[in-house]
C-alpha atoms as a PDB file:
ATOM      1  CA  MET A   1       4.112 -19.196  22.850  1.00  0.00           C
ATOM      2  CA  THR A   2       3.906 -15.574  21.719  1.00  0.00           C
ATOM      3  CA  SER A   3       0.795 -13.838  20.478  1.00  0.00           C
ATOM      4  CA  ALA A   4       0.625 -12.309  17.002  1.00  0.00           C
ATOM      5  CA  GLY A   5       2.595  -9.104  16.789  1.00  0.00           C
ATOM      6  CA  SER A   6       4.207  -9.531  20.200  1.00  0.00           C
ATOM      7  CA  VAL A   7       7.840  -8.639  20.876  1.00  0.00           C
ATOM      8  CA  LEU A   8      10.127 -11.647  20.422  1.00  0.00           C
ATOM      9  CA  ASP A   9      13.410  -9.877  21.033  1.00  0.00           C
ATOM     10  CA  ARG A  10      14.655  -6.439  22.026  1.00  0.00           C
ATOM     11  CA  ILE A  11      18.171  -5.324  21.179  1.00  0.00           C
ATOM     12  CA  GLU A  12      19.720  -2.115  22.427  1.00  0.00           C
ATOM     13  CA  VAL A  13      22.188  -0.595  19.969  1.00  0.00           C
ATOM     14  CA  PRO A  14      24.500   1.767  21.864  1.00  0.00           C
ATOM     15  CA  ALA A  15      25.595   5.023  20.251  1.00  0.00           C
ATOM     16  CA  ARG A  16      28.419   4.457  17.727  1.00  0.00           C
ATOM     17  CA  GLU A  17      27.910   0.666  17.763  1.00  0.00           C
ATOM     18  CA  GLY A  18      26.063  -2.002  15.787  1.00  0.00           C
ATOM     19  CA  ARG A  19      24.064  -5.155  16.509  1.00  0.00           C
ATOM     20  CA  ALA A  20      22.663  -8.003  14.384  1.00  0.00           C
ATOM     21  CA  VAL A  21      19.693 -10.330  14.821  1.00  0.00           C
ATOM     22  CA  VAL A  22      18.387 -13.386  12.979  1.00  0.00           C
ATOM     23  CA  VAL A  23      14.780 -13.107  11.741  1.00  0.00           C
ATOM     24  CA  THR A  24      12.516 -15.457   9.816  1.00  0.00           C
ATOM     25  CA  ALA A  25      10.273 -14.633   6.880  1.00  0.00           C
ATOM     26  CA  GLY A  26       7.116 -12.846   8.049  1.00  0.00           C
ATOM     27  CA  GLN A  27       8.601 -11.460  11.250  1.00  0.00           C
ATOM     28  CA  ARG A  28       8.965  -7.713  11.590  1.00  0.00           C
ATOM     29  CA  VAL A  29      11.951  -5.643  12.625  1.00  0.00           C
ATOM     30  CA  ARG A  30      11.292  -2.231  14.160  1.00  0.00           C
ATOM     31  CA  VAL A  31      14.108   0.325  14.493  1.00  0.00           C
ATOM     32  CA  VAL A  32      13.371   2.964  17.116  1.00  0.00           C
ATOM     33  CA  ASP A  33      15.182   6.301  17.368  1.00  0.00           C
ATOM     34  CA  VAL A  34      15.232   6.508  21.153  1.00  0.00           C
ATOM     35  CA  GLU A  35      16.284  10.138  21.642  1.00  0.00           C
ATOM     36  CA  GLY A  36      15.763  11.599  18.158  1.00  0.00           C
ATOM     37  CA  GLN A  37      17.954  12.784  15.256  1.00  0.00           C
ATOM     38  CA  GLN A  38      19.994   9.574  15.142  1.00  0.00           C
ATOM     39  CA  VAL A  39      20.682   7.935  11.783  1.00  0.00           C
ATOM     40  CA  GLY A  40      20.729   4.136  11.607  1.00  0.00           C
ATOM     41  CA  ASP A  41      22.358   2.038   8.887  1.00  0.00           C
ATOM     42  CA  VAL A  42      20.246  -1.074   8.189  1.00  0.00           C
ATOM     43  CA  PHE A  43      21.710  -4.109   6.417  1.00  0.00           C
ATOM     44  CA  ALA A  44      19.996  -7.409   5.523  1.00  0.00           C
ATOM     45  CA  VAL A  45      21.799 -10.646   4.621  1.00  0.00           C
ATOM     46  CA  SER A  46      20.233 -13.934   3.521  1.00  0.00           C
ATOM     47  CA  SER A  47      20.394 -16.609   6.215  1.00  0.00           C
ATOM     48  CA  ASP A  48      20.937 -19.272   3.556  1.00  0.00           C
ATOM     49  CA  ASP A  49      23.792 -17.601   1.714  1.00  0.00           C
ATOM     50  CA  PRO A  50      25.728 -14.585   3.046  1.00  0.00           C
ATOM     51  CA  THR A  51      26.794 -13.669  -0.492  1.00  0.00           C
ATOM     52  CA  GLU A  52      23.180 -12.558  -1.039  1.00  0.00           C
ATOM     53  CA  TYR A  53      22.338  -9.274   0.678  1.00  0.00           C
ATOM     54  CA  HIS A  54      20.196  -6.175   0.326  1.00  0.00           C
ATOM     55  CA  SER A  55      21.371  -4.050  -2.574  1.00  0.00           C
ATOM     56  CA  ALA A  56      20.479  -0.373  -2.733  1.00  0.00           C
ATOM     57  CA  ALA A  57      21.376  -0.222  -6.429  1.00  0.00           C
ATOM     58  CA  HIS A  58      19.143  -3.148  -7.362  1.00  0.00           C
ATOM     59  CA  THR A  59      16.343  -1.790  -5.159  1.00  0.00           C
ATOM     60  CA  ARG A  60      16.415   1.649  -6.794  1.00  0.00           C
ATOM     61  CA  ALA A  61      15.982  -0.002 -10.180  1.00  0.00           C
ATOM     62  CA  HIS A  62      13.273  -2.328  -8.834  1.00  0.00           C
ATOM     63  CA  VAL A  63      11.084   0.448  -7.393  1.00  0.00           C
ATOM     64  CA  SER A  64      12.192   3.389  -9.577  1.00  0.00           C
ATOM     65  CA  ARG A  65      12.732   5.567  -6.514  1.00  0.00           C
ATOM     66  CA  LEU A  66      15.754   7.225  -4.910  1.00  0.00           C
ATOM     67  CA  PHE A  67      14.480   7.210  -1.341  1.00  0.00           C
ATOM     68  CA  PRO A  68      12.541   4.604   0.711  1.00  0.00           C
ATOM     69  CA  ALA A  69       8.811   4.934   1.340  1.00  0.00           C
ATOM     70  CA  VAL A  70       6.161   2.851   3.116  1.00  0.00           C
ATOM     71  CA  GLY A  71       5.212  -0.120   0.959  1.00  0.00           C
ATOM     72  CA  GLU A  72       8.634  -0.289  -0.683  1.00  0.00           C
ATOM     73  CA  ARG A  73      10.077  -3.753  -1.179  1.00  0.00           C
ATOM     74  CA  PHE A  74      13.858  -3.938  -0.909  1.00  0.00           C
ATOM     75  CA  VAL A  75      15.628  -6.548  -3.021  1.00  0.00           C
ATOM     76  CA  THR A  76      18.960  -8.344  -2.876  1.00  0.00           C
ATOM     77  CA  ASN A  77      21.880  -8.367  -5.284  1.00  0.00           C
ATOM     78  CA  ARG A  78      20.026 -11.320  -6.850  1.00  0.00           C
ATOM     79  CA  ARG A  79      16.861  -9.205  -7.190  1.00  0.00           C
ATOM     80  CA  ARG A  80      14.874 -11.207  -4.642  1.00  0.00           C
ATOM     81  CA  PRO A  81      12.712  -9.451  -2.005  1.00  0.00           C
ATOM     82  CA  VAL A  82      14.373  -9.371   1.418  1.00  0.00           C
ATOM     83  CA  LEU A  83      12.543  -6.597   3.360  1.00  0.00           C
ATOM     84  CA  THR A  84       9.416  -4.485   2.988  1.00  0.00           C
ATOM     85  CA  LEU A  85       8.931  -1.140   4.763  1.00  0.00           C
ATOM     86  CA  VAL A  86       5.491  -1.611   6.329  1.00  0.00           C
ATOM     87  CA  ASP A  87       5.250   1.242   8.853  1.00  0.00           C
ATOM     88  CA  ASP A  88       6.892   4.604   9.512  1.00  0.00           C
ATOM     89  CA  SER A  89       6.044   6.949  12.383  1.00  0.00           C
ATOM     90  CA  SER A  90       8.890   9.360  11.564  1.00  0.00           C
ATOM     91  CA  PRO A  91       8.798  12.375   9.202  1.00  0.00           C
ATOM     92  CA  GLY A  92       9.684   9.877   6.491  1.00  0.00           C
ATOM     93  CA  ARG A  93      13.156  11.035   5.498  1.00  0.00           C
ATOM     94  CA  HIS A  94      15.402   8.035   4.783  1.00  0.00           C
ATOM     95  CA  ASP A  95      18.336   7.621   2.413  1.00  0.00           C
ATOM     96  CA  MET A  96      19.507   4.974  -0.028  1.00  0.00           C
ATOM     97  CA  LEU A  97      22.207   6.913  -1.905  1.00  0.00           C
ATOM     98  CA  VAL A  98      25.069   7.188   0.598  1.00  0.00           C
ATOM     99  CA  ALA A  99      27.512   4.389   1.362  1.00  0.00           C
ATOM    100  CA  ALA A 100      28.202   3.251   4.913  1.00  0.00           C
ATOM    101  CA  CYS A 101      30.864   5.337   6.622  1.00  0.00           C
ATOM    102  CA  ASP A 102      34.232   3.588   6.926  1.00  0.00           C
ATOM    103  CA  PRO A 103      37.823   4.309   8.038  1.00  0.00           C
ATOM    104  CA  PRO A 104      38.884   5.885   4.694  1.00  0.00           C
ATOM    105  CA  ARG A 105      35.893   8.224   4.866  1.00  0.00           C
ATOM    106  CA  TYR A 106      36.900   9.454   8.325  1.00  0.00           C
ATOM    107  CA  ALA A 107      40.552   9.745   7.317  1.00  0.00           C
ATOM    108  CA  ALA A 108      39.466  11.992   4.428  1.00  0.00           C
ATOM    109  CA  LEU A 109      37.449  14.092   6.877  1.00  0.00           C
ATOM    110  CA  GLY A 110      40.463  14.499   9.163  1.00  0.00           C
ATOM    111  CA  ALA A 111      39.309  12.257  12.018  1.00  0.00           C
ATOM    112  CA  PRO A 112      41.972  10.608  14.181  1.00  0.00           C
ATOM    113  CA  PRO A 113      42.643   6.881  13.638  1.00  0.00           C
ATOM    114  CA  GLY A 114      40.237   4.530  15.379  1.00  0.00           C
ATOM    115  CA  HIS A 115      37.052   6.514  14.725  1.00  0.00           C
ATOM    116  CA  ALA A 116      34.070   4.144  14.823  1.00  0.00           C
ATOM    117  CA  SER A 117      32.317   3.469  11.516  1.00  0.00           C
ATOM    118  CA  CYS A 118      29.205   1.712  10.233  1.00  0.00           C
ATOM    119  CA  ALA A 119      31.342  -0.568   8.049  1.00  0.00           C
ATOM    120  CA  GLU A 120      33.266  -1.823  11.080  1.00  0.00           C
ATOM    121  CA  ASN A 121      30.065  -1.990  13.146  1.00  0.00           C
ATOM    122  CA  LEU A 122      28.585  -4.292  10.488  1.00  0.00           C
ATOM    123  CA  GLU A 123      31.668  -6.502  10.496  1.00  0.00           C
ATOM    124  CA  LYS A 124      31.615  -6.821  14.290  1.00  0.00           C
ATOM    125  CA  ALA A 125      27.844  -7.396  14.465  1.00  0.00           C
ATOM    126  CA  LEU A 126      27.923 -10.151  11.858  1.00  0.00           C
ATOM    127  CA  GLY A 127      31.067 -11.594  13.412  1.00  0.00           C
ATOM    128  CA  SER A 128      29.182 -12.075  16.682  1.00  0.00           C
ATOM    129  CA  LEU A 129      26.945 -14.502  14.739  1.00  0.00           C
ATOM    130  CA  GLY A 130      29.857 -16.218  13.007  1.00  0.00           C
ATOM    131  CA  LEU A 131      29.222 -14.470   9.681  1.00  0.00           C
ATOM    132  CA  SER A 132      31.312 -12.323   7.370  1.00  0.00           C
ATOM    133  CA  LEU A 133      30.775 -10.561   4.039  1.00  0.00           C
ATOM    134  CA  PRO A 134      33.234 -10.021   1.195  1.00  0.00           C
ATOM    135  CA  VAL A 135      31.936  -6.457   0.754  1.00  0.00           C
ATOM    136  CA  VAL A 136      30.103  -3.790   2.752  1.00  0.00           C
ATOM    137  CA  PRO A 137      26.673  -3.447   1.099  1.00  0.00           C
ATOM    138  CA  GLN A 138      25.194   0.002   0.688  1.00  0.00           C
ATOM    139  CA  PRO A 139      22.707   0.294   3.572  1.00  0.00           C
ATOM    140  CA  ILE A 140      19.205   1.596   4.059  1.00  0.00           C
ATOM    141  CA  ASN A 141      20.008   4.772   6.004  1.00  0.00           C
ATOM    142  CA  VAL A 142      16.940   5.220   8.181  1.00  0.00           C
ATOM    143  CA  PHE A 143      16.190   8.680   9.619  1.00  0.00           C
ATOM    144  CA  MET A 144      18.840  10.186   7.296  1.00  0.00           C
ATOM    145  CA  ASP A 145      17.803  13.321   5.403  1.00  0.00           C
ATOM    146  CA  ILE A 146      19.638  13.576   2.084  1.00  0.00           C
ATOM    147  CA  ARG A 147      18.186  15.780  -0.671  1.00  0.00           C
ATOM    148  CA  VAL A 148      19.113  16.180  -4.337  1.00  0.00           C
ATOM    149  CA  ASP A 149      19.019  19.775  -5.571  1.00  0.00           C
ATOM    150  CA  ASP A 150      18.145  20.966  -9.082  1.00  0.00           C
ATOM    151  CA  ALA A 151      21.799  20.774 -10.140  1.00  0.00           C
ATOM    152  CA  GLY A 152      22.065  17.157  -8.980  1.00  0.00           C
ATOM    153  CA  ALA A 153      24.157  17.916  -5.891  1.00  0.00           C
ATOM    154  CA  LEU A 154      23.510  16.150  -2.607  1.00  0.00           C
ATOM    155  CA  VAL A 155      22.328  18.275   0.327  1.00  0.00           C
ATOM    156  CA  TRP A 156      23.176  16.773   3.725  1.00  0.00           C
ATOM    157  CA  ARG A 157      20.631  17.717   6.392  1.00  0.00           C
ATOM    158  CA  THR A 158      20.336  16.895  10.055  1.00  0.00           C
ATOM    159  CA  SER A 159      17.961  14.020  10.767  1.00  0.00           C
ATOM    160  CA  PRO A 160      14.420  15.288  11.501  1.00  0.00           C
ATOM    161  CA  SER A 161      13.373  12.191  13.477  1.00  0.00           C
ATOM    162  CA  ARG A 162      11.910  12.694  16.951  1.00  0.00           C
ATOM    163  CA  PRO A 163      12.323  10.727  20.188  1.00  0.00           C
ATOM    164  CA  GLY A 164      10.488   7.433  19.825  1.00  0.00           C
ATOM    165  CA  ASP A 165      10.043   7.617  16.044  1.00  0.00           C
ATOM    166  CA  SER A 166      10.338   4.236  14.362  1.00  0.00           C
ATOM    167  CA  VAL A 167      10.355   2.344  11.082  1.00  0.00           C
ATOM    168  CA  THR A 168       9.166  -1.240  10.731  1.00  0.00           C
ATOM    169  CA  PHE A 169      10.312  -3.753   8.137  1.00  0.00           C
ATOM    170  CA  ARG A 170       8.765  -7.123   7.308  1.00  0.00           C
ATOM    171  CA  ALA A 171      11.256  -9.871   6.491  1.00  0.00           C
ATOM    172  CA  GLU A 172      10.463 -11.430   3.114  1.00  0.00           C
ATOM    173  CA  MET A 173      13.037 -14.202   3.581  1.00  0.00           C
ATOM    174  CA  ASP A 174      14.954 -15.705   6.473  1.00  0.00           C
ATOM    175  CA  CYS A 175      17.728 -13.203   7.009  1.00  0.00           C
ATOM    176  CA  VAL A 176      20.110 -11.475   9.383  1.00  0.00           C
ATOM    177  CA  VAL A 177      19.349  -7.796   9.964  1.00  0.00           C
ATOM    178  CA  ALA A 178      22.174  -5.605  11.225  1.00  0.00           C
ATOM    179  CA  VAL A 179      21.688  -2.063  12.519  1.00  0.00           C
ATOM    180  CA  SER A 180      24.421   0.488  13.195  1.00  0.00           C
ATOM    181  CA  ALA A 181      23.799   3.631  15.241  1.00  0.00           C
ATOM    182  CA  CYS A 182      25.794   5.771  12.828  1.00  0.00           C
ATOM    183  CA  PRO A 183      28.868   7.345  14.475  1.00  0.00           C
ATOM    184  CA  GLN A 184      29.121  10.181  11.939  1.00  0.00           C
ATOM    185  CA  ASP A 185      29.927  13.316  13.956  1.00  0.00           C
ATOM    186  CA  LEU A 186      31.910  15.279  11.352  1.00  0.00           C
ATOM    187  CA  VAL A 187      29.091  15.760   8.828  1.00  0.00           C
ATOM    188  CA  GLY A 188      25.870  17.139  10.273  1.00  0.00           C
ATOM    189  CA  ILE A 189      23.478  14.244   9.581  1.00  0.00           C
ATOM    190  CA  ASN A 190      22.976  13.409  13.266  1.00  0.00           C
ATOM    191  CA  GLY A 191      21.871  15.615  16.121  1.00  0.00           C
ATOM    192  CA  PRO A 192      24.376  17.355  18.413  1.00  0.00           C
ATOM    193  CA  VAL A 193      24.990  14.162  20.403  1.00  0.00           C
ATOM    194  CA  LEU A 194      25.236  10.613  19.059  1.00  0.00           C
ATOM    195  CA  THR A 195      22.559   8.470  20.694  1.00  0.00           C
ATOM    196  CA  PRO A 196      21.380   4.835  20.799  1.00  0.00           C
ATOM    197  CA  LEU A 197      18.782   2.963  18.776  1.00  0.00           C
ATOM    198  CA  THR A 198      16.505   0.111  19.815  1.00  0.00           C
ATOM    199  CA  VAL A 199      15.667  -2.853  17.593  1.00  0.00           C
ATOM    200  CA  LEU A 200      12.487  -4.855  18.241  1.00  0.00           C
ATOM    201  CA  VAL A 201      11.778  -8.183  16.575  1.00  0.00           C
ATOM    202  CA  LEU A 202       8.025  -8.742  16.353  1.00  0.00           C
ATOM    203  CA  ASP A 203       6.114 -11.910  15.653  1.00  0.00           C
ATOM    204  CA  ALA A 204       4.321 -12.110  12.313  1.00  0.00           C
ATOM    205  CA  PRO A 205       0.801 -10.736  12.840  1.00  0.00           C
ATOM    206  CA  ALA A 206      -2.109 -13.030  12.098  1.00  0.00           C
ATOM    207  CA  GLU A 207      -4.048 -12.410   8.902  1.00  0.00           C
ATOM    208  CA  PRO A 208      -7.183 -10.399   9.800  1.00  0.00           C
ATOM    209  CA  SER A 209     -10.505 -12.189   9.435  1.00  0.00           C
ATOM    210  CA  ASP A 210     -13.686 -10.561   8.121  1.00  0.00           C
ATOM    211  CA  THR A 211     -14.675  -9.783  11.722  1.00  0.00           C
ATOM    212  CA  THR A 212     -11.254  -8.574  12.864  1.00  0.00           C
ATOM    213  CA  PRO A 213     -10.483  -4.834  12.700  1.00  0.00           C
ATOM    214  CA  ARG A 214      -7.852  -4.322  10.013  1.00  0.00           C
ATOM    215  CA  THR A 215      -5.244  -2.617  12.161  1.00  0.00           C
ATOM    216  CA  ASP A 216      -1.549  -3.265  12.559  1.00  0.00           C
ATOM    217  CA  PRO A 217      -1.012  -4.949  15.963  1.00  0.00           C
ATOM    218  CA  THR A 218       2.669  -3.913  15.906  1.00  0.00           C
ATOM    219  CA  ARG A 219       1.805  -0.206  15.828  1.00  0.00           C
ATOM    220  CA  THR A 220       2.091   0.205  19.606  1.00  0.00           C
ATOM    221  CA  ASP A 221       5.693   0.899  20.465  1.00  0.00           C
ATOM    222  CA  PRO A 222       6.671  -0.114  24.000  1.00  0.00           C
ATOM    223  CA  THR A 223       9.709   2.185  23.871  1.00  0.00           C
ATOM    224  CA  ARG A 224       7.653   5.357  23.407  1.00  0.00           C
ATOM    225  CA  THR A 225       6.505   7.216  26.459  1.00  0.00           C
ATOM    226  CA  GLU A 226       3.422   9.369  26.777  1.00  0.00           C
ATOM    227  CA  ARG A 227       5.729  12.378  26.704  1.00  0.00           C
ATOM    228  CA  ASN A 228       7.000  11.419  23.266  1.00  0.00           C
ATOM    229  CA  ARG A 229       3.649  10.687  21.649  1.00  0.00           C
END
């Protein structure tokens, strides 16, 4: 039996690849940028019905924000809460405007056939669990720094995240969370080298009592070294 806030599962997401994990309501999913400046595409799909999934468009309307922030509740295409961003140790730049990269995107950028993409990473990750989606939902692009200038144009910046930076989501329903270590190497959103991510599934922390210090027991990140703190 695990203690509150303890690590239930640890999934390594190699550079350019994706992985998926099943989580239950109340558990937390932490995405760790192992080496820094690596964007991750996060998708969430209802465990009960794969036609219900996180929707960036519905979430933007729900929270009246363009970009994710701590405390934000992400909703599905049926406007039900699926994830909440509960902790962020990074500089806080995340995107919810840009679609997942896919083969047509890379073809338009002049990449040779067979270039890895977040859309295909999602398909493979869900396929490993026997799931499939009729569409590729627009993801939560963690550690991705997209700005909107005064003229309304998008400004694509390199991720400012540092080695060991992380974001933590609380599952609001039983769901499958998929994470792709974005393979985009033709537009400068990632650092000079594509690198892996780590996904930690954490047990739901116990509700603090009146005598318990009100701290987040999941704050300690076992993947961060003293050098990176």
